Amino acid sequence: HWVHEGATTGVLPPDGPYVVATGVSYAGADYVVLGVSSQAAQRHALGATARALGISTPLLVLLAGLATWWLTGRALRPVEEIRREVARIEYGRLTDRVPVPRTHDEVAALATTMNDMLARLEAAQATSRRFVSDAGHELRSPLATLAAAIELAERGDDNRAERTELNELM
């Protein structure tokens, strides 16, 4: 193998050529291959690369930001639809439900949970209305009896049969 003796390394002169040498063996003979380039060409290539990166990097960051914004908006669109529907539902319309996406992901689970909550609220509302109706019905009879007794007392009517009947109701 060819060994290059006396090779030096260090800072190149600013205007000198850039030289690279390597030894090779071919068909039993040793050769030295030299590569020569001006440093001006190297500086030009580095400058062009720096300019290209200076222009393309901000554009790529902007494109990545826009793509992220668009994809995030698209991914969260079903959440916005659920939010809008829940905001639209009023106390008297608890039979309405939010749309459940077909994606079988967290957003679909959220919509299902919201619909389950609306069903529980609807059931609680129906129970509350039944209670108020039953309580009102139960209170009407004693109140009607009291009203009749007050009316008899105001009339000063001494009808014992009516008084006996009222006492039995109370």
N, C-alpha and C. Protein backbone atom coordinates (compact mmCIF):
# COMPACT_ATOMS: atom_id res chain seq x y z
N HIS A 1 0.83 -1.18 0.00
CA HIS A 1 0.00 0.00 0.00
C HIS A 1 0.87 1.24 0.00
N TRP A 2 0.29 2.24 -0.60
CA TRP A 2 1.00 3.51 -0.71
C TRP A 2 0.84 4.29 0.56
N VAL A 3 1.91 4.83 1.07
CA VAL A 3 1.89 5.66 2.27
C VAL A 3 2.44 7.00 1.88
N HIS A 4 1.69 8.03 2.16
CA HIS A 4 2.15 9.39 1.85
C HIS A 4 2.89 9.91 3.05
N GLU A 5 4.17 10.08 2.88
CA GLU A 5 4.95 10.59 3.98
C GLU A 5 5.03 12.09 3.92
N GLY A 6 5.08 12.70 5.05
CA GLY A 6 5.23 14.14 5.11
C GLY A 6 3.94 14.90 4.90
N ALA A 7 2.78 14.26 5.08
CA ALA A 7 1.50 14.96 4.94
C ALA A 7 1.35 15.95 6.07
N THR A 8 0.81 17.10 5.76
CA THR A 8 0.63 18.12 6.78
C THR A 8 -0.84 18.50 6.86
N THR A 9 -1.22 18.96 8.01
CA THR A 9 -2.57 19.48 8.19
C THR A 9 -2.44 20.85 8.82
N GLY A 10 -3.46 21.64 8.69
CA GLY A 10 -3.43 22.95 9.29
C GLY A 10 -4.34 23.88 8.54
N VAL A 11 -4.19 25.16 8.78
CA VAL A 11 -5.02 26.17 8.15
C VAL A 11 -4.51 26.40 6.75
N LEU A 12 -5.42 26.40 5.80
CA LEU A 12 -5.05 26.65 4.41
C LEU A 12 -4.88 28.14 4.21
N PRO A 13 -4.01 28.51 3.32
CA PRO A 13 -3.92 29.92 2.98
C PRO A 13 -5.25 30.37 2.39
N PRO A 14 -5.70 31.60 2.64
CA PRO A 14 -7.03 32.03 2.22
C PRO A 14 -7.26 31.99 0.72
N ASP A 15 -6.25 32.19 -0.08
CA ASP A 15 -6.47 32.22 -1.52
C ASP A 15 -5.92 30.99 -2.23
N GLY A 16 -5.34 30.08 -1.49
CA GLY A 16 -4.74 28.91 -2.13
C GLY A 16 -5.77 27.87 -2.50
N PRO A 17 -5.36 26.91 -3.28
CA PRO A 17 -6.30 25.85 -3.66
C PRO A 17 -6.51 24.87 -2.51
N TYR A 18 -7.61 24.21 -2.56
CA TYR A 18 -7.92 23.16 -1.60
C TYR A 18 -7.54 21.85 -2.27
N VAL A 19 -6.60 21.09 -1.68
CA VAL A 19 -6.06 19.88 -2.29
C VAL A 19 -6.32 18.71 -1.37
N VAL A 20 -6.81 17.64 -1.96
CA VAL A 20 -7.01 16.39 -1.24
C VAL A 20 -6.28 15.32 -2.03
N ALA A 21 -5.48 14.51 -1.32
CA ALA A 21 -4.73 13.45 -1.99
C ALA A 21 -4.98 12.15 -1.26
N THR A 22 -5.07 11.08 -2.01
CA THR A 22 -5.22 9.76 -1.41
C THR A 22 -4.47 8.75 -2.27
N GLY A 23 -3.97 7.73 -1.65
CA GLY A 23 -3.25 6.68 -2.36
C GLY A 23 -4.17 5.54 -2.71
N VAL A 24 -3.95 4.95 -3.89
CA VAL A 24 -4.74 3.81 -4.34
C VAL A 24 -3.79 2.81 -4.99
N SER A 25 -4.20 1.56 -4.96
CA SER A 25 -3.45 0.52 -5.67
C SER A 25 -4.34 -0.01 -6.76
N TYR A 26 -3.73 -0.16 -7.95
CA TYR A 26 -4.50 -0.67 -9.08
C TYR A 26 -3.57 -1.52 -9.93
N ALA A 27 -3.96 -2.75 -10.18
CA ALA A 27 -3.23 -3.70 -11.01
C ALA A 27 -1.77 -3.82 -10.54
N GLY A 28 -1.57 -3.88 -9.27
CA GLY A 28 -0.25 -4.06 -8.71
C GLY A 28 0.59 -2.81 -8.65
N ALA A 29 0.06 -1.68 -9.08
CA ALA A 29 0.83 -0.43 -9.04
C ALA A 29 0.17 0.51 -8.06
N ASP A 30 0.98 1.36 -7.44
CA ASP A 30 0.48 2.35 -6.50
C ASP A 30 0.37 3.70 -7.20
N TYR A 31 -0.74 4.41 -6.91
CA TYR A 31 -1.00 5.72 -7.52
C TYR A 31 -1.43 6.70 -6.45
N VAL A 32 -1.26 7.96 -6.76
CA VAL A 32 -1.77 9.02 -5.91
C VAL A 32 -2.82 9.76 -6.70
N VAL A 33 -4.02 9.90 -6.10
CA VAL A 33 -5.10 10.62 -6.75
C VAL A 33 -5.22 11.96 -6.03
N LEU A 34 -5.19 13.02 -6.82
CA LEU A 34 -5.29 14.37 -6.26
C LEU A 34 -6.61 14.98 -6.67
N GLY A 35 -7.21 15.67 -5.72
CA GLY A 35 -8.41 16.46 -6.00
C GLY A 35 -8.09 17.89 -5.66
N VAL A 36 -8.31 18.80 -6.59
CA VAL A 36 -7.97 20.20 -6.38
C VAL A 36 -9.21 21.04 -6.63
N SER A 37 -9.45 21.98 -5.72
CA SER A 37 -10.59 22.89 -5.87
C SER A 37 -10.20 24.21 -5.27
N SER A 38 -10.75 25.27 -5.83
CA SER A 38 -10.44 26.58 -5.25
C SER A 38 -11.29 26.78 -4.01
N GLN A 39 -10.77 27.53 -3.06
CA GLN A 39 -11.53 27.82 -1.85
C GLN A 39 -12.69 28.76 -2.16
N ALA A 40 -12.57 29.53 -3.20
CA ALA A 40 -13.66 30.43 -3.59
C ALA A 40 -14.90 29.61 -3.97
N ALA A 41 -14.67 28.49 -4.68
CA ALA A 41 -15.79 27.62 -5.04
C ALA A 41 -16.42 27.02 -3.80
N GLN A 42 -15.60 26.65 -2.84
CA GLN A 42 -16.11 26.11 -1.58
C GLN A 42 -16.94 27.16 -0.84
N ARG A 43 -16.38 28.38 -0.76
CA ARG A 43 -17.11 29.45 -0.08
C ARG A 43 -18.43 29.76 -0.79
N HIS A 44 -18.42 29.76 -2.10
CA HIS A 44 -19.64 30.00 -2.87
C HIS A 44 -20.68 28.92 -2.57
N ALA A 45 -20.25 27.66 -2.53
CA ALA A 45 -21.18 26.56 -2.24
C ALA A 45 -21.75 26.69 -0.83
N LEU A 46 -20.90 27.01 0.15
CA LEU A 46 -21.37 27.18 1.52
C LEU A 46 -22.34 28.37 1.64
N GLY A 47 -22.04 29.47 0.95
CA GLY A 47 -22.93 30.63 0.97
C GLY A 47 -24.28 30.31 0.35
N ALA A 48 -24.28 29.59 -0.79
CA ALA A 48 -25.54 29.23 -1.44
C ALA A 48 -26.36 28.30 -0.54
N THR A 49 -25.68 27.39 0.14
CA THR A 49 -26.39 26.49 1.06
C THR A 49 -26.99 27.27 2.23
N ALA A 50 -26.22 28.20 2.78
CA ALA A 50 -26.72 29.01 3.89
C ALA A 50 -27.91 29.86 3.47
N ARG A 51 -27.85 30.46 2.27
CA ARG A 51 -28.99 31.24 1.78
C ARG A 51 -30.22 30.36 1.57
N ALA A 52 -30.00 29.20 0.99
CA ALA A 52 -31.13 28.29 0.75
C ALA A 52 -31.77 27.87 2.08
N LEU A 53 -30.94 27.56 3.07
CA LEU A 53 -31.49 27.19 4.37
C LEU A 53 -32.15 28.39 5.05
N GLY A 54 -31.59 29.58 4.89
CA GLY A 54 -32.17 30.78 5.49
C GLY A 54 -33.54 31.10 4.93
N ILE A 55 -33.76 30.78 3.68
CA ILE A 55 -35.06 31.03 3.05
C ILE A 55 -36.03 29.86 3.29
N SER A 56 -35.55 28.64 3.12
CA SER A 56 -36.44 27.48 3.19
C SER A 56 -36.86 27.13 4.61
N THR A 57 -35.99 27.33 5.60
CA THR A 57 -36.34 26.95 6.97
C THR A 57 -37.56 27.73 7.49
N PRO A 58 -37.61 29.06 7.37
CA PRO A 58 -38.83 29.75 7.83
C PRO A 58 -40.07 29.33 7.04
N LEU A 59 -39.92 29.09 5.75
CA LEU A 59 -41.07 28.65 4.96
C LEU A 59 -41.55 27.27 5.41
N LEU A 60 -40.61 26.38 5.69
CA LEU A 60 -41.00 25.04 6.16
C LEU A 60 -41.66 25.12 7.54
N VAL A 61 -41.15 25.98 8.41
CA VAL A 61 -41.77 26.15 9.73
C VAL A 61 -43.18 26.71 9.58
N LEU A 62 -43.36 27.69 8.68
CA LEU A 62 -44.68 28.26 8.43
C LEU A 62 -45.63 27.20 7.88
N LEU A 63 -45.17 26.42 6.91
CA LEU A 63 -46.00 25.35 6.35
C LEU A 63 -46.35 24.31 7.40
N ALA A 64 -45.39 23.95 8.23
CA ALA A 64 -45.67 22.98 9.30
C ALA A 64 -46.69 23.54 10.28
N GLY A 65 -46.57 24.83 10.61
CA GLY A 65 -47.54 25.46 11.51
C GLY A 65 -48.93 25.49 10.91
N LEU A 66 -49.04 25.85 9.64
CA LEU A 66 -50.35 25.87 8.97
C LEU A 66 -50.94 24.47 8.89
N ALA A 67 -50.13 23.48 8.57
CA ALA A 67 -50.62 22.11 8.50
C ALA A 67 -51.10 21.64 9.87
N THR A 68 -50.35 21.98 10.91
CA THR A 68 -50.75 21.61 12.27
C THR A 68 -52.06 22.28 12.65
N TRP A 69 -52.19 23.57 12.34
CA TRP A 69 -53.42 24.30 12.64
C TRP A 69 -54.62 23.67 11.91
N TRP A 70 -54.44 23.36 10.63
CA TRP A 70 -55.53 22.79 9.85
C TRP A 70 -55.90 21.40 10.36
N LEU A 71 -54.90 20.55 10.61
CA LEU A 71 -55.17 19.19 11.07
C LEU A 71 -55.80 19.19 12.46
N THR A 72 -55.35 20.08 13.34
CA THR A 72 -55.93 20.17 14.68
C THR A 72 -57.38 20.62 14.59
N GLY A 73 -57.64 21.62 13.76
CA GLY A 73 -59.02 22.07 13.58
C GLY A 73 -59.91 20.97 13.04
N ARG A 74 -59.38 20.21 12.11
CA ARG A 74 -60.16 19.12 11.53
C ARG A 74 -60.40 18.02 12.56
N ALA A 75 -59.39 17.73 13.38
CA ALA A 75 -59.54 16.68 14.40
C ALA A 75 -60.51 17.11 15.48
N LEU A 76 -60.57 18.41 15.80
CA LEU A 76 -61.43 18.90 16.87
C LEU A 76 -62.82 19.34 16.40
N ARG A 77 -63.08 19.26 15.11
CA ARG A 77 -64.39 19.65 14.59
C ARG A 77 -65.54 18.89 15.26
N PRO A 78 -65.42 17.56 15.47
CA PRO A 78 -66.52 16.87 16.16
C PRO A 78 -66.72 17.36 17.60
N VAL A 79 -65.65 17.74 18.27
CA VAL A 79 -65.77 18.28 19.63
C VAL A 79 -66.54 19.59 19.59
N GLU A 80 -66.25 20.44 18.60
CA GLU A 80 -66.97 21.70 18.46
C GLU A 80 -68.45 21.45 18.17
N GLU A 81 -68.77 20.45 17.35
CA GLU A 81 -70.17 20.13 17.07
C GLU A 81 -70.88 19.68 18.34
N ILE A 82 -70.20 18.88 19.15
CA ILE A 82 -70.79 18.43 20.42
C ILE A 82 -71.01 19.63 21.33
N ARG A 83 -70.02 20.52 21.44
CA ARG A 83 -70.14 21.69 22.29
C ARG A 83 -71.30 22.57 21.84
N ARG A 84 -71.42 22.79 20.54
CA ARG A 84 -72.48 23.63 20.00
C ARG A 84 -73.86 23.02 20.29
N GLU A 85 -73.99 21.71 20.14
CA GLU A 85 -75.27 21.05 20.38
C GLU A 85 -75.64 21.10 21.86
N VAL A 86 -74.66 20.89 22.74
CA VAL A 86 -74.94 20.94 24.18
C VAL A 86 -75.35 22.36 24.57
N ALA A 87 -74.71 23.37 24.00
CA ALA A 87 -75.07 24.75 24.30
C ALA A 87 -76.49 25.07 23.81
N ARG A 88 -76.94 24.42 22.75
CA ARG A 88 -78.26 24.67 22.18
C ARG A 88 -79.37 24.00 22.98
N ILE A 89 -79.05 22.89 23.64
CA ILE A 89 -80.07 22.13 24.37
C ILE A 89 -80.50 22.91 25.60
N GLU A 90 -81.80 23.05 25.77
CA GLU A 90 -82.36 23.77 26.90
C GLU A 90 -83.00 22.79 27.86
N TYR A 91 -83.35 23.29 29.03
CA TYR A 91 -83.92 22.44 30.08
C TYR A 91 -85.17 21.71 29.60
N GLY A 92 -86.00 22.36 28.84
CA GLY A 92 -87.25 21.74 28.39
C GLY A 92 -87.08 20.78 27.23
N ARG A 93 -85.86 20.72 26.64
CA ARG A 93 -85.64 19.85 25.46
C ARG A 93 -84.55 18.83 25.73
N LEU A 94 -84.66 18.14 26.83
CA LEU A 94 -83.64 17.16 27.20
C LEU A 94 -83.74 15.88 26.39
N THR A 95 -84.68 15.80 25.48
CA THR A 95 -84.75 14.61 24.61
C THR A 95 -83.76 14.71 23.46
N ASP A 96 -83.22 15.92 23.20
CA ASP A 96 -82.22 16.08 22.14
C ASP A 96 -80.93 15.38 22.54
N ARG A 97 -80.17 14.95 21.55
CA ARG A 97 -78.89 14.28 21.79
C ARG A 97 -77.83 14.89 20.88
N VAL A 98 -76.57 14.72 21.28
CA VAL A 98 -75.45 15.22 20.48
C VAL A 98 -75.06 14.16 19.45
N PRO A 99 -74.48 14.59 18.32
CA PRO A 99 -74.08 13.61 17.30
C PRO A 99 -72.87 12.80 17.78
N VAL A 100 -72.92 11.48 17.55
CA VAL A 100 -71.81 10.60 17.91
C VAL A 100 -71.05 10.25 16.63
N PRO A 101 -69.76 10.67 16.54
CA PRO A 101 -69.00 10.34 15.34
C PRO A 101 -68.76 8.83 15.24
N ARG A 102 -68.53 8.35 14.03
CA ARG A 102 -68.32 6.92 13.80
C ARG A 102 -66.87 6.50 13.99
N THR A 103 -66.07 7.33 14.62
CA THR A 103 -64.64 7.09 14.71
C THR A 103 -64.24 6.11 15.80
N HIS A 104 -65.08 5.84 16.76
CA HIS A 104 -64.78 4.94 17.88
C HIS A 104 -63.52 5.37 18.62
N ASP A 105 -63.40 6.67 18.86
CA ASP A 105 -62.24 7.20 19.58
C ASP A 105 -62.72 7.98 20.79
N GLU A 106 -61.84 8.80 21.36
CA GLU A 106 -62.18 9.56 22.55
C GLU A 106 -63.31 10.55 22.31
N VAL A 107 -63.38 11.10 21.10
CA VAL A 107 -64.45 12.05 20.79
C VAL A 107 -65.80 11.34 20.77
N ALA A 108 -65.83 10.14 20.20
CA ALA A 108 -67.08 9.36 20.21
C ALA A 108 -67.46 8.99 21.64
N ALA A 109 -66.46 8.66 22.47
CA ALA A 109 -66.73 8.35 23.88
C ALA A 109 -67.29 9.57 24.60
N LEU A 110 -66.75 10.75 24.30
CA LEU A 110 -67.26 11.99 24.88
C LEU A 110 -68.72 12.21 24.49
N ALA A 111 -69.04 12.03 23.21
CA ALA A 111 -70.42 12.23 22.75
C ALA A 111 -71.36 11.23 23.41
N THR A 112 -70.93 9.98 23.53
CA THR A 112 -71.75 8.96 24.19
C THR A 112 -71.99 9.32 25.65
N THR A 113 -70.94 9.79 26.32
CA THR A 113 -71.07 10.19 27.72
C THR A 113 -72.04 11.37 27.85
N MET A 114 -71.94 12.34 26.93
CA MET A 114 -72.86 13.48 26.97
C MET A 114 -74.30 13.02 26.77
N ASN A 115 -74.52 12.09 25.84
CA ASN A 115 -75.88 11.59 25.61
C ASN A 115 -76.39 10.82 26.82
N ASP A 116 -75.51 10.05 27.49
CA ASP A 116 -75.92 9.35 28.71
C ASP A 116 -76.30 10.35 29.79
N MET A 117 -75.51 11.43 29.92
CA MET A 117 -75.81 12.47 30.90
C MET A 117 -77.16 13.12 30.60
N LEU A 118 -77.41 13.40 29.32
CA LEU A 118 -78.70 14.00 28.95
C LEU A 118 -79.86 13.06 29.27
N ALA A 119 -79.65 11.77 29.08
CA ALA A 119 -80.70 10.79 29.40
C ALA A 119 -80.96 10.78 30.91
N ARG A 120 -79.90 10.86 31.72
CA ARG A 120 -80.07 10.90 33.18
C ARG A 120 -80.79 12.20 33.60
N LEU A 121 -80.42 13.32 32.98
CA LEU A 121 -81.09 14.58 33.30
C LEU A 121 -82.57 14.53 32.91
N GLU A 122 -82.85 13.91 31.76
CA GLU A 122 -84.24 13.77 31.31
C GLU A 122 -85.04 12.93 32.31
N ALA A 123 -84.44 11.82 32.78
CA ALA A 123 -85.11 10.96 33.75
C ALA A 123 -85.32 11.70 35.07
N ALA A 124 -84.31 12.46 35.49
CA ALA A 124 -84.44 13.22 36.74
C ALA A 124 -85.52 14.29 36.61
N GLN A 125 -85.60 14.92 35.45
CA GLN A 125 -86.63 15.93 35.22
C GLN A 125 -88.01 15.29 35.27
N ALA A 126 -88.17 14.12 34.65
CA ALA A 126 -89.47 13.44 34.67
C ALA A 126 -89.85 13.05 36.10
N THR A 127 -88.88 12.57 36.88
CA THR A 127 -89.14 12.21 38.27
C THR A 127 -89.55 13.43 39.07
N SER A 128 -88.87 14.54 38.85
CA SER A 128 -89.19 15.79 39.55
C SER A 128 -90.60 16.26 39.21
N ARG A 129 -90.95 16.19 37.94
CA ARG A 129 -92.29 16.63 37.53
C ARG A 129 -93.37 15.74 38.13
N ARG A 130 -93.11 14.40 38.16
CA ARG A 130 -94.08 13.49 38.77
C ARG A 130 -94.26 13.81 40.26
N PHE A 131 -93.15 14.09 40.94
CA PHE A 131 -93.22 14.41 42.37
C PHE A 131 -94.04 15.67 42.60
N VAL A 132 -93.78 16.70 41.83
CA VAL A 132 -94.51 17.96 41.99
C VAL A 132 -95.99 17.75 41.69
N SER A 133 -96.29 16.97 40.67
CA SER A 133 -97.69 16.69 40.33
C SER A 133 -98.37 15.91 41.44
N ASP A 134 -97.68 14.87 41.94
CA ASP A 134 -98.27 14.07 43.03
C ASP A 134 -98.44 14.90 44.29
N ALA A 135 -97.44 15.71 44.62
CA ALA A 135 -97.53 16.54 45.82
C ALA A 135 -98.68 17.54 45.68
N GLY A 136 -98.80 18.12 44.51
CA GLY A 136 -99.90 19.07 44.28
C GLY A 136 -101.25 18.40 44.43
N HIS A 137 -101.36 17.18 43.90
CA HIS A 137 -102.63 16.45 44.01
C HIS A 137 -102.94 16.12 45.47
N GLU A 138 -101.90 15.68 46.20
CA GLU A 138 -102.10 15.32 47.61
C GLU A 138 -102.45 16.54 48.47
N LEU A 139 -101.96 17.69 48.09
CA LEU A 139 -102.24 18.89 48.88
C LEU A 139 -103.59 19.51 48.54
N ARG A 140 -104.12 19.21 47.35
CA ARG A 140 -105.40 19.82 46.96
C ARG A 140 -106.54 19.39 47.87
N SER A 141 -106.62 18.11 48.23
CA SER A 141 -107.74 17.62 49.06
C SER A 141 -107.76 18.29 50.44
N PRO A 142 -106.66 18.30 51.19
CA PRO A 142 -106.73 18.99 52.50
C PRO A 142 -107.00 20.48 52.35
N LEU A 143 -106.45 21.11 51.32
CA LEU A 143 -106.69 22.53 51.14
C LEU A 143 -108.15 22.80 50.80
N ALA A 144 -108.74 21.94 49.99
CA ALA A 144 -110.16 22.11 49.66
C ALA A 144 -111.02 21.95 50.90
N THR A 145 -110.67 21.00 51.77
CA THR A 145 -111.42 20.79 53.01
C THR A 145 -111.30 22.00 53.92
N LEU A 146 -110.07 22.54 54.04
CA LEU A 146 -109.87 23.73 54.87
C LEU A 146 -110.64 24.92 54.31
N ALA A 147 -110.64 25.06 53.01
CA ALA A 147 -111.37 26.17 52.39
C ALA A 147 -112.87 26.06 52.67
N ALA A 148 -113.40 24.84 52.61
CA ALA A 148 -114.82 24.63 52.89
C ALA A 148 -115.13 24.94 54.35
N ALA A 149 -114.22 24.53 55.26
CA ALA A 149 -114.45 24.80 56.69
C ALA A 149 -114.42 26.30 56.95
N ILE A 150 -113.51 27.01 56.32
CA ILE A 150 -113.43 28.46 56.49
C ILE A 150 -114.70 29.13 55.95
N GLU A 151 -115.17 28.63 54.83
CA GLU A 151 -116.39 29.20 54.25
C GLU A 151 -117.59 28.99 55.18
N LEU A 152 -117.69 27.78 55.79
CA LEU A 152 -118.79 27.52 56.74
C LEU A 152 -118.68 28.44 57.95
N ALA A 153 -117.44 28.60 58.42
CA ALA A 153 -117.24 29.45 59.61
C ALA A 153 -117.57 30.89 59.29
N GLU A 154 -117.22 31.35 58.11
CA GLU A 154 -117.51 32.73 57.73
C GLU A 154 -119.01 32.96 57.59
N ARG A 155 -119.73 31.95 57.09
CA ARG A 155 -121.17 32.09 56.93
C ARG A 155 -121.88 32.05 58.28
N GLY A 156 -121.19 31.48 59.25
CA GLY A 156 -121.82 31.33 60.56
C GLY A 156 -122.90 30.29 60.53
N ASP A 157 -122.86 29.47 59.55
CA ASP A 157 -123.86 28.42 59.36
C ASP A 157 -123.59 27.32 60.38
N ASP A 158 -124.61 26.91 61.05
CA ASP A 158 -124.44 25.90 62.07
C ASP A 158 -124.98 24.56 61.60
N ASN A 159 -124.71 24.22 60.39
CA ASN A 159 -125.17 22.96 59.84
C ASN A 159 -124.27 21.85 60.35
N ARG A 160 -124.80 21.06 61.31
CA ARG A 160 -124.00 20.03 61.96
C ARG A 160 -123.61 18.92 60.99
N ALA A 161 -124.43 18.60 60.08
CA ALA A 161 -124.11 17.51 59.13
C ALA A 161 -122.88 17.88 58.30
N GLU A 162 -122.85 19.13 57.82
CA GLU A 162 -121.70 19.57 57.02
C GLU A 162 -120.45 19.62 57.88
N ARG A 163 -120.56 20.08 59.12
CA ARG A 163 -119.40 20.15 60.00
C ARG A 163 -118.87 18.77 60.33
N THR A 164 -119.76 17.82 60.56
CA THR A 164 -119.34 16.45 60.85
C THR A 164 -118.60 15.87 59.66
N GLU A 165 -119.15 16.11 58.46
CA GLU A 165 -118.50 15.59 57.24
C GLU A 165 -117.11 16.20 57.06
N LEU A 166 -116.99 17.51 57.31
CA LEU A 166 -115.69 18.18 57.20
C LEU A 166 -114.71 17.66 58.23
N ASN A 167 -115.16 17.41 59.45
CA ASN A 167 -114.27 16.89 60.50
C ASN A 167 -113.77 15.51 60.12
N GLU A 168 -114.59 14.73 59.50
CA GLU A 168 -114.17 13.38 59.11
C GLU A 168 -113.11 13.46 57.99
N LEU A 169 -113.24 14.44 57.12
CA LEU A 169 -112.26 14.59 56.03
C LEU A 169 -110.91 15.07 56.55
N MET A 170 -110.95 15.85 57.63
CA MET A 170 -109.71 16.40 58.18
C MET A 170 -109.06 15.36 59.02
